[in-house]
Amino acid sequence: MATKIIKAMGGDVSGKTIGVLGLAFKQNTDDMRAAPSLDIVPALIEAGAKVKAFDPEAMEDAKHLLYGLDYAENAYEAVEGADAMVILTEWDQFRALDLDRIKAALNGDVVVDLRNIYLPDDMAKRGFTYTSIGRPV
């Protein structure tokens, strides 16, 4: 999935900032066991990206497992000035984000939704370069 994110960002994330939303294995828990973030975040950092992340419940546990990234106080702070937003956990509060505010906060327009919480047509109408998984391109 890190490769998918890198590809969505033009093939090179060196020096770019990625706002990651969701670190826990699944919503409504702080469980980090087998969380995709444990593989994806280090791979993005290894590729040269700066990562800012937010999770409503798993931040404290994540701080003991994920290094080299910045932790944000909320989703909007995580994407402020970022070149891309990446959804790793399908928290309901991420479904309810003010997407106009997200668009204004982002430095770029790339959204990689690894949980398919948004509709591709809606994201395109809002001006995002949107990538999801398992859907026709």
Protein backbone atom coordinates (compact mmCIF):
# COMPACT_ATOMS: atom_id res chain seq x y z
CA MET A 1 0.00 0.00 0.00
CA ALA A 2 2.94 2.35 0.54
CA THR A 3 3.83 1.84 -3.12
CA LYS A 4 0.26 2.79 -4.08
CA ILE A 5 0.56 5.99 -2.05
CA ILE A 6 3.93 6.84 -3.59
CA LYS A 7 2.56 6.19 -7.09
CA ALA A 8 -0.47 8.42 -6.41
CA MET A 9 1.98 11.18 -5.44
CA GLY A 10 3.81 11.00 -8.75
CA GLY A 11 6.29 8.25 -7.91
CA ASP A 12 8.50 10.24 -5.53
CA VAL A 13 7.68 11.36 -1.99
CA SER A 14 11.12 12.62 -1.08
CA GLY A 15 10.72 15.93 0.73
CA LYS A 16 6.92 15.77 0.59
CA THR A 17 4.58 15.80 3.56
CA ILE A 18 1.84 13.21 3.96
CA GLY A 19 -1.04 13.64 6.40
CA VAL A 20 -2.02 10.19 7.64
CA LEU A 21 -5.44 9.74 9.21
CA GLY A 22 -5.85 6.61 11.29
CA LEU A 23 -3.14 4.49 12.87
CA ALA A 24 -5.14 1.82 14.70
CA PHE A 25 -5.96 -1.59 13.25
CA LYS A 26 -9.65 -0.66 13.08
CA GLN A 27 -12.00 2.11 14.14
CA ASN A 28 -13.26 2.48 17.69
CA THR A 29 -10.15 0.94 19.23
CA ASP A 30 -6.59 1.77 20.18
CA ASP A 31 -5.45 -1.68 19.03
CA MET A 32 -2.21 -1.39 17.07
CA ARG A 33 -1.65 -5.14 16.61
CA ALA A 34 -1.35 -5.89 12.89
CA ALA A 35 -2.25 -2.28 12.03
CA PRO A 36 -1.38 -1.43 8.40
CA SER A 37 0.20 1.80 9.67
CA LEU A 38 3.04 -0.24 11.19
CA ASP A 39 4.23 -1.13 7.69
CA ILE A 40 2.99 1.82 5.64
CA VAL A 41 4.26 4.74 7.75
CA PRO A 42 7.86 3.46 8.05
CA ALA A 43 7.93 2.72 4.31
CA LEU A 44 6.84 6.29 3.52
CA ILE A 45 9.46 7.72 5.87
CA GLU A 46 12.10 5.42 4.35
CA ALA A 47 11.10 6.78 0.92
CA GLY A 48 11.85 10.31 2.15
CA ALA A 49 8.41 11.58 3.14
CA LYS A 50 7.62 13.59 6.21
CA VAL A 51 4.56 12.08 7.92
CA LYS A 52 2.08 13.89 10.16
CA ALA A 53 -0.47 11.53 11.68
CA PHE A 54 -3.64 11.57 13.73
CA ASP A 55 -5.76 8.81 15.27
CA PRO A 56 -8.62 9.46 17.71
CA GLU A 57 -7.68 6.59 20.06
CA ALA A 58 -4.33 4.99 19.20
CA MET A 59 -1.89 7.91 19.45
CA GLU A 60 -0.29 6.90 22.75
CA ASP A 61 0.24 3.28 21.70
CA ALA A 62 1.45 4.38 18.27
CA LYS A 63 4.12 6.62 19.83
CA HIS A 64 5.75 3.47 21.25
CA LEU A 65 5.69 1.70 17.87
CA LEU A 66 6.13 4.35 15.16
CA TYR A 67 9.09 6.71 15.07
CA GLY A 68 10.24 9.56 12.90
CA LEU A 69 6.83 11.14 12.35
CA ASP A 70 4.92 14.04 13.82
CA TYR A 71 1.69 13.48 15.72
CA ALA A 72 -1.15 15.95 15.24
CA GLU A 73 -3.89 17.03 17.64
CA ASN A 74 -6.65 16.46 15.08
CA ALA A 75 -7.26 15.48 11.46
CA TYR A 76 -7.11 19.04 10.14
CA GLU A 77 -3.75 19.66 11.79
CA ALA A 78 -2.44 16.41 10.28
CA VAL A 79 -3.20 17.59 6.74
CA GLU A 80 -2.30 21.28 7.18
CA GLY A 81 0.32 22.04 4.52
CA ALA A 82 0.57 18.37 3.48
CA ASP A 83 1.03 17.34 -0.13
CA ALA A 84 -1.41 14.45 0.34
CA MET A 85 -3.95 13.02 2.76
CA VAL A 86 -4.00 9.26 3.33
CA ILE A 87 -6.82 7.41 5.12
CA LEU A 88 -5.59 4.25 6.87
CA THR A 89 -8.43 3.62 9.35
CA GLU A 90 -12.12 4.18 8.66
CA TRP A 91 -13.08 6.26 11.67
CA ASP A 92 -16.57 7.78 11.40
CA GLN A 93 -15.13 11.21 12.18
CA PHE A 94 -13.02 10.96 9.01
CA ARG A 95 -16.19 10.33 7.01
CA ALA A 96 -17.60 13.56 8.47
CA LEU A 97 -14.61 15.81 7.70
CA ASP A 98 -15.30 19.15 6.10
CA LEU A 99 -13.74 18.35 2.72
CA ASP A 100 -13.67 22.00 1.67
CA ARG A 101 -11.60 22.70 4.77
CA ILE A 102 -9.35 19.73 3.92
CA LYS A 103 -8.90 21.04 0.37
CA ALA A 104 -7.91 24.45 1.71
CA ALA A 105 -5.53 22.95 4.29
CA LEU A 106 -3.68 20.69 1.86
CA ASN A 107 -0.69 21.99 -0.05
CA GLY A 108 -1.60 19.54 -2.83
CA ASP A 109 -4.80 17.83 -3.92
CA VAL A 110 -3.94 14.12 -3.52
CA VAL A 111 -6.16 11.93 -1.36
CA VAL A 112 -5.38 8.22 -1.03
CA ASP A 113 -8.32 6.47 0.62
CA LEU A 114 -7.31 2.94 1.60
CA ARG A 115 -10.71 2.37 3.26
CA ASN A 116 -12.99 3.67 0.48
CA ILE A 117 -14.85 6.03 2.78
CA TYR A 118 -15.39 8.66 0.08
CA LEU A 119 -17.10 8.51 -3.30
CA PRO A 120 -14.75 8.93 -6.29
CA ASP A 121 -17.15 11.19 -8.25
CA ASP A 122 -17.69 13.48 -5.26
CA MET A 123 -13.95 13.76 -4.62
CA ALA A 124 -13.29 14.58 -8.28
CA LYS A 125 -16.00 17.29 -8.23
CA ARG A 126 -14.30 18.80 -5.19
CA GLY A 127 -11.01 19.01 -7.09
CA PHE A 128 -9.11 16.17 -5.44
CA THR A 129 -6.86 13.72 -7.22
CA TYR A 130 -8.44 10.70 -5.56
CA THR A 131 -7.13 7.15 -5.31
CA SER A 132 -8.98 4.31 -3.60
CA ILE A 133 -8.66 0.54 -3.69
CA GLY A 134 -10.57 -2.14 -5.55
CA ARG A 135 -12.60 0.31 -7.64
CA PRO A 136 -12.50 0.93 -11.37
CA VAL A 137 -10.18 3.78 -12.31
